[in-house]
Amino acid sequence: MARIKRAVNAVKKRRKVFKLSKGYFGAKSKQYRAASEQVRRSLRYAYIGRKAKKRDFRRLWIARINAGARANGLSYSRLMDGLKKAQIDINRKMLSELAICDAAAFTALCEKAKDALK
């Protein structure tokens, strides 16, 4: 049985890690062991960050909606309850954009929500 030599595959594996670690400071981009550890960490941080980004944006949208709702005499939860009762189905991202860019439209939505709560 022929002996298997790892040279080509090992170089490919290292090249893949060094490609991902390009731009890192010092040994993290030059030495395989340090680079592979940092790449592993970086990929984990990136994965966690993609999940956290969704939470962070939702929190931002809710804060903006709450500010706009309070300017119209409602709290965030009362506004959302009123919109649901009025059967107005609009997501938080669009509501926050309305609160920032189109105050008149947001005020109209707040009025509909108030009417639905009565």
N, C-alpha and C. Protein backbone atom coordinates (compact mmCIF):
# COMPACT_ATOMS: atom_id res chain seq x y z
N MET A 1 0.84 -1.18 0.00
CA MET A 1 0.00 0.00 0.00
C MET A 1 0.89 1.25 0.00
N ALA A 2 0.53 2.21 -0.78
CA ALA A 2 1.35 3.41 -0.93
C ALA A 2 1.20 4.32 0.28
N ARG A 3 2.28 5.01 0.57
CA ARG A 3 2.28 5.95 1.69
C ARG A 3 1.62 7.25 1.25
N ILE A 4 0.76 7.80 2.13
CA ILE A 4 0.07 9.06 1.82
C ILE A 4 0.89 10.20 2.38
N LYS A 5 1.22 11.13 1.52
CA LYS A 5 1.98 12.31 1.96
C LYS A 5 1.01 13.48 2.08
N ARG A 6 1.14 14.25 3.15
CA ARG A 6 0.17 15.31 3.45
C ARG A 6 0.56 16.66 2.88
N ALA A 7 1.67 16.74 2.22
CA ALA A 7 2.22 18.06 1.87
C ALA A 7 1.21 18.97 1.18
N VAL A 8 0.61 18.52 0.11
CA VAL A 8 -0.28 19.38 -0.68
C VAL A 8 -1.51 19.77 0.13
N ASN A 9 -2.13 18.79 0.79
CA ASN A 9 -3.34 19.09 1.56
C ASN A 9 -3.05 19.98 2.75
N ALA A 10 -1.91 19.78 3.40
CA ALA A 10 -1.56 20.62 4.55
C ALA A 10 -1.35 22.06 4.11
N VAL A 11 -0.70 22.23 2.96
CA VAL A 11 -0.48 23.59 2.46
C VAL A 11 -1.81 24.26 2.10
N LYS A 12 -2.72 23.49 1.49
CA LYS A 12 -4.04 24.04 1.15
C LYS A 12 -4.79 24.48 2.40
N LYS A 13 -4.72 23.64 3.44
CA LYS A 13 -5.40 23.95 4.69
C LYS A 13 -4.83 25.22 5.32
N ARG A 14 -3.50 25.33 5.35
CA ARG A 14 -2.87 26.52 5.91
C ARG A 14 -3.18 27.75 5.07
N ARG A 15 -3.17 27.60 3.76
CA ARG A 15 -3.44 28.74 2.88
C ARG A 15 -4.84 29.29 3.12
N LYS A 16 -5.80 28.39 3.36
CA LYS A 16 -7.16 28.82 3.62
C LYS A 16 -7.23 29.67 4.91
N VAL A 17 -6.51 29.22 5.94
CA VAL A 17 -6.49 29.97 7.20
C VAL A 17 -5.79 31.30 7.02
N PHE A 18 -4.66 31.32 6.33
CA PHE A 18 -3.93 32.58 6.13
C PHE A 18 -4.72 33.56 5.28
N LYS A 19 -5.53 33.05 4.36
CA LYS A 19 -6.36 33.94 3.55
C LYS A 19 -7.39 34.65 4.44
N LEU A 20 -7.96 33.90 5.40
CA LEU A 20 -8.94 34.48 6.31
C LEU A 20 -8.30 35.42 7.32
N SER A 21 -7.02 35.17 7.66
CA SER A 21 -6.36 35.98 8.68
C SER A 21 -5.60 37.17 8.10
N LYS A 22 -5.77 37.41 6.82
CA LYS A 22 -5.07 38.52 6.18
C LYS A 22 -5.51 39.85 6.82
N GLY A 23 -4.53 40.66 7.18
CA GLY A 23 -4.83 41.96 7.78
C GLY A 23 -4.79 41.95 9.29
N TYR A 24 -4.69 40.77 9.91
CA TYR A 24 -4.61 40.72 11.37
C TYR A 24 -3.23 41.22 11.81
N PHE A 25 -3.12 41.67 13.04
CA PHE A 25 -1.89 42.27 13.55
C PHE A 25 -0.89 41.20 13.99
N GLY A 26 0.36 41.38 13.62
CA GLY A 26 1.47 40.58 14.12
C GLY A 26 1.38 39.10 13.78
N ALA A 27 1.63 38.27 14.80
CA ALA A 27 1.71 36.82 14.61
C ALA A 27 0.37 36.24 14.13
N LYS A 28 -0.71 36.94 14.40
CA LYS A 28 -2.03 36.42 14.04
C LYS A 28 -2.23 36.30 12.54
N SER A 29 -1.36 36.94 11.77
CA SER A 29 -1.44 36.79 10.32
C SER A 29 -0.21 36.10 9.73
N LYS A 30 0.78 35.77 10.59
CA LYS A 30 2.04 35.21 10.08
C LYS A 30 2.26 33.76 10.50
N GLN A 31 1.85 33.42 11.73
CA GLN A 31 2.10 32.08 12.26
C GLN A 31 0.81 31.27 12.21
N TYR A 32 0.92 30.03 11.75
CA TYR A 32 -0.28 29.22 11.51
C TYR A 32 -1.08 29.00 12.79
N ARG A 33 -0.41 28.66 13.88
CA ARG A 33 -1.16 28.34 15.11
C ARG A 33 -1.91 29.57 15.61
N ALA A 34 -1.24 30.69 15.69
CA ALA A 34 -1.88 31.92 16.16
C ALA A 34 -2.98 32.36 15.19
N ALA A 35 -2.71 32.21 13.91
CA ALA A 35 -3.69 32.61 12.90
C ALA A 35 -4.94 31.73 12.97
N SER A 36 -4.74 30.43 13.13
CA SER A 36 -5.91 29.53 13.15
C SER A 36 -6.76 29.78 14.39
N GLU A 37 -6.11 30.05 15.53
CA GLU A 37 -6.87 30.37 16.74
C GLU A 37 -7.68 31.65 16.56
N GLN A 38 -7.04 32.66 15.98
CA GLN A 38 -7.73 33.94 15.80
C GLN A 38 -8.84 33.84 14.77
N VAL A 39 -8.62 33.08 13.71
CA VAL A 39 -9.66 32.89 12.69
C VAL A 39 -10.86 32.20 13.30
N ARG A 40 -10.59 31.18 14.13
CA ARG A 40 -11.69 30.45 14.79
C ARG A 40 -12.50 31.40 15.66
N ARG A 41 -11.80 32.23 16.44
CA ARG A 41 -12.48 33.22 17.28
C ARG A 41 -13.26 34.22 16.44
N SER A 42 -12.62 34.70 15.40
CA SER A 42 -13.25 35.73 14.56
C SER A 42 -14.53 35.21 13.91
N LEU A 43 -14.49 33.97 13.45
CA LEU A 43 -15.69 33.39 12.84
C LEU A 43 -16.80 33.23 13.87
N ARG A 44 -16.41 32.88 15.11
CA ARG A 44 -17.42 32.75 16.17
C ARG A 44 -18.01 34.12 16.50
N TYR A 45 -17.16 35.15 16.61
CA TYR A 45 -17.66 36.50 16.87
C TYR A 45 -18.59 36.97 15.75
N ALA A 46 -18.23 36.64 14.51
CA ALA A 46 -19.05 37.06 13.37
C ALA A 46 -20.43 36.40 13.44
N TYR A 47 -20.45 35.12 13.82
CA TYR A 47 -21.72 34.40 13.92
C TYR A 47 -22.58 35.02 15.01
N ILE A 48 -21.98 35.28 16.17
CA ILE A 48 -22.71 35.89 17.28
C ILE A 48 -23.19 37.29 16.90
N GLY A 49 -22.34 38.03 16.18
CA GLY A 49 -22.69 39.39 15.77
C GLY A 49 -23.87 39.44 14.81
N ARG A 50 -23.95 38.43 13.94
CA ARG A 50 -25.09 38.41 13.01
C ARG A 50 -26.40 38.21 13.76
N LYS A 51 -26.37 37.46 14.85
CA LYS A 51 -27.58 37.28 15.66
C LYS A 51 -27.88 38.54 16.47
N ALA A 52 -26.83 39.14 17.03
CA ALA A 52 -27.02 40.33 17.88
C ALA A 52 -27.51 41.52 17.06
N LYS A 53 -27.10 41.59 15.80
CA LYS A 53 -27.50 42.70 14.93
C LYS A 53 -29.02 42.79 14.81
N LYS A 54 -29.66 41.66 14.71
CA LYS A 54 -31.13 41.63 14.60
C LYS A 54 -31.78 42.17 15.87
N ARG A 55 -31.24 41.76 17.02
CA ARG A 55 -31.77 42.26 18.30
C ARG A 55 -31.54 43.76 18.44
N ASP A 56 -30.34 44.21 18.07
CA ASP A 56 -30.00 45.63 18.22
C ASP A 56 -30.89 46.52 17.36
N PHE A 57 -31.15 46.09 16.12
CA PHE A 57 -32.00 46.90 15.25
C PHE A 57 -33.43 46.94 15.78
N ARG A 58 -33.92 45.79 16.27
CA ARG A 58 -35.29 45.78 16.81
C ARG A 58 -35.39 46.74 17.99
N ARG A 59 -34.38 46.76 18.88
CA ARG A 59 -34.38 47.69 20.01
C ARG A 59 -34.37 49.14 19.54
N LEU A 60 -33.60 49.43 18.50
CA LEU A 60 -33.53 50.78 17.96
C LEU A 60 -34.89 51.21 17.40
N TRP A 61 -35.51 50.32 16.63
CA TRP A 61 -36.81 50.64 16.04
C TRP A 61 -37.85 50.90 17.13
N ILE A 62 -37.84 50.07 18.17
CA ILE A 62 -38.81 50.23 19.26
C ILE A 62 -38.58 51.56 19.98
N ALA A 63 -37.33 51.92 20.19
CA ALA A 63 -37.04 53.20 20.86
C ALA A 63 -37.54 54.38 20.02
N ARG A 64 -37.36 54.30 18.72
CA ARG A 64 -37.82 55.38 17.84
C ARG A 64 -39.34 55.46 17.82
N ILE A 65 -40.00 54.31 17.75
CA ILE A 65 -41.47 54.28 17.73
C ILE A 65 -42.00 54.83 19.04
N ASN A 66 -41.38 54.45 20.14
CA ASN A 66 -41.80 54.91 21.46
C ASN A 66 -41.69 56.42 21.56
N ALA A 67 -40.60 56.98 21.05
CA ALA A 67 -40.42 58.44 21.09
C ALA A 67 -41.52 59.12 20.28
N GLY A 68 -41.80 58.59 19.09
CA GLY A 68 -42.86 59.18 18.27
C GLY A 68 -44.23 59.02 18.89
N ALA A 69 -44.47 57.87 19.50
CA ALA A 69 -45.78 57.62 20.13
C ALA A 69 -46.00 58.56 21.31
N ARG A 70 -44.97 58.75 22.11
CA ARG A 70 -45.11 59.64 23.28
C ARG A 70 -45.32 61.09 22.86
N ALA A 71 -44.77 61.46 21.71
CA ALA A 71 -45.02 62.81 21.19
C ALA A 71 -46.48 62.97 20.79
N ASN A 72 -47.16 61.84 20.53
CA ASN A 72 -48.57 61.86 20.14
C ASN A 72 -49.48 61.41 21.29
N GLY A 73 -48.96 61.37 22.50
CA GLY A 73 -49.80 61.07 23.66
C GLY A 73 -50.08 59.61 23.89
N LEU A 74 -49.26 58.72 23.39
CA LEU A 74 -49.42 57.28 23.60
C LEU A 74 -48.10 56.69 24.08
N SER A 75 -48.18 55.52 24.70
CA SER A 75 -46.95 54.78 24.97
C SER A 75 -46.76 53.77 23.83
N TYR A 76 -45.60 53.17 23.79
CA TYR A 76 -45.30 52.20 22.73
C TYR A 76 -46.29 51.04 22.78
N SER A 77 -46.50 50.50 23.97
CA SER A 77 -47.36 49.31 24.07
C SER A 77 -48.80 49.63 23.72
N ARG A 78 -49.28 50.82 24.13
CA ARG A 78 -50.66 51.22 23.78
C ARG A 78 -50.80 51.44 22.27
N LEU A 79 -49.76 52.02 21.66
CA LEU A 79 -49.78 52.22 20.20
C LEU A 79 -49.86 50.89 19.48
N MET A 80 -49.01 49.94 19.88
CA MET A 80 -48.98 48.64 19.20
C MET A 80 -50.30 47.90 19.40
N ASP A 81 -50.88 48.01 20.62
CA ASP A 81 -52.16 47.38 20.90
C ASP A 81 -53.26 48.01 20.05
N GLY A 82 -53.23 49.34 19.95
CA GLY A 82 -54.23 50.04 19.15
C GLY A 82 -54.13 49.70 17.67
N LEU A 83 -52.91 49.61 17.16
CA LEU A 83 -52.73 49.25 15.75
C LEU A 83 -53.22 47.83 15.48
N LYS A 84 -52.98 46.94 16.43
CA LYS A 84 -53.44 45.56 16.26
C LYS A 84 -54.96 45.50 16.27
N LYS A 85 -55.58 46.26 17.18
CA LYS A 85 -57.05 46.28 17.26
C LYS A 85 -57.67 46.94 16.04
N ALA A 86 -56.96 47.92 15.46
CA ALA A 86 -57.44 48.59 14.25
C ALA A 86 -57.12 47.77 12.99
N GLN A 87 -56.49 46.62 13.18
CA GLN A 87 -56.10 45.71 12.10
C GLN A 87 -55.17 46.38 11.09
N ILE A 88 -54.28 47.19 11.63
CA ILE A 88 -53.24 47.82 10.81
C ILE A 88 -51.97 47.00 11.01
N ASP A 89 -51.56 46.30 9.97
CA ASP A 89 -50.43 45.40 10.07
C ASP A 89 -49.21 46.05 9.41
N ILE A 90 -48.37 46.65 10.24
CA ILE A 90 -47.16 47.31 9.73
C ILE A 90 -46.00 46.94 10.66
N ASN A 91 -44.86 46.63 10.08
CA ASN A 91 -43.75 46.16 10.91
C ASN A 91 -43.04 47.33 11.59
N ARG A 92 -42.22 46.99 12.58
CA ARG A 92 -41.56 48.00 13.39
C ARG A 92 -40.55 48.83 12.60
N LYS A 93 -39.91 48.21 11.63
CA LYS A 93 -38.94 48.94 10.82
C LYS A 93 -39.62 50.08 10.07
N MET A 94 -40.75 49.78 9.45
CA MET A 94 -41.47 50.81 8.69
C MET A 94 -42.09 51.85 9.62
N LEU A 95 -42.57 51.41 10.79
CA LEU A 95 -43.12 52.37 11.75
C LEU A 95 -42.05 53.35 12.21
N SER A 96 -40.84 52.85 12.44
CA SER A 96 -39.77 53.76 12.89
C SER A 96 -39.38 54.72 11.78
N GLU A 97 -39.37 54.24 10.54
CA GLU A 97 -39.07 55.13 9.41
C GLU A 97 -40.13 56.23 9.30
N LEU A 98 -41.40 55.85 9.50
CA LEU A 98 -42.48 56.85 9.47
C LEU A 98 -42.31 57.86 10.60
N ALA A 99 -41.95 57.38 11.78
CA ALA A 99 -41.77 58.27 12.93
C ALA A 99 -40.67 59.29 12.68
N ILE A 100 -39.63 58.89 11.94
CA ILE A 100 -38.50 59.78 11.67
C ILE A 100 -38.80 60.70 10.48
N CYS A 101 -39.21 60.08 9.36
CA CYS A 101 -39.27 60.81 8.08
C CYS A 101 -40.62 61.46 7.80
N ASP A 102 -41.70 60.80 8.19
CA ASP A 102 -43.03 61.30 7.83
C ASP A 102 -43.89 61.41 9.09
N ALA A 103 -43.72 62.48 9.82
CA ALA A 103 -44.41 62.64 11.10
C ALA A 103 -45.93 62.72 10.93
N ALA A 104 -46.38 63.29 9.80
CA ALA A 104 -47.82 63.42 9.58
C ALA A 104 -48.48 62.05 9.44
N ALA A 105 -47.86 61.18 8.69
CA ALA A 105 -48.40 59.82 8.51
C ALA A 105 -48.37 59.06 9.84
N PHE A 106 -47.30 59.23 10.61
CA PHE A 106 -47.20 58.56 11.90
C PHE A 106 -48.28 59.06 12.85
N THR A 107 -48.53 60.37 12.81
CA THR A 107 -49.59 60.95 13.64
C THR A 107 -50.95 60.38 13.25
N ALA A 108 -51.18 60.20 11.96
CA ALA A 108 -52.44 59.62 11.50
C ALA A 108 -52.60 58.19 12.01
N LEU A 109 -51.51 57.44 11.99
CA LEU A 109 -51.56 56.07 12.53
C LEU A 109 -51.85 56.09 14.03
N CYS A 110 -51.25 57.04 14.74
CA CYS A 110 -51.49 57.16 16.18
C CYS A 110 -52.95 57.48 16.46
N GLU A 111 -53.54 58.33 15.64
CA GLU A 111 -54.96 58.67 15.81
C GLU A 111 -55.85 57.45 15.58
N LYS A 112 -55.52 56.65 14.56
CA LYS A 112 -56.30 55.43 14.31
C LYS A 112 -56.16 54.45 15.47
N ALA A 113 -54.96 54.37 16.04
CA ALA A 113 -54.73 53.50 17.17
C ALA A 113 -55.52 53.97 18.38
N LYS A 114 -55.56 55.29 18.60
CA LYS A 114 -56.34 55.85 19.73
C LYS A 114 -57.82 55.53 19.57
N ASP A 115 -58.33 55.69 18.33
CA ASP A 115 -59.74 55.40 18.07
C ASP A 115 -60.05 53.93 18.32
N ALA A 116 -59.15 53.04 17.95
CA ALA A 116 -59.37 51.62 18.14
C ALA A 116 -59.34 51.22 19.62
N LEU A 117 -58.63 52.00 20.42
CA LEU A 117 -58.53 51.69 21.86
C LEU A 117 -59.77 52.11 22.63
N LYS A 118 -60.56 53.04 22.08
CA LYS A 118 -61.76 53.53 22.78
C LYS A 118 -62.87 52.51 22.81
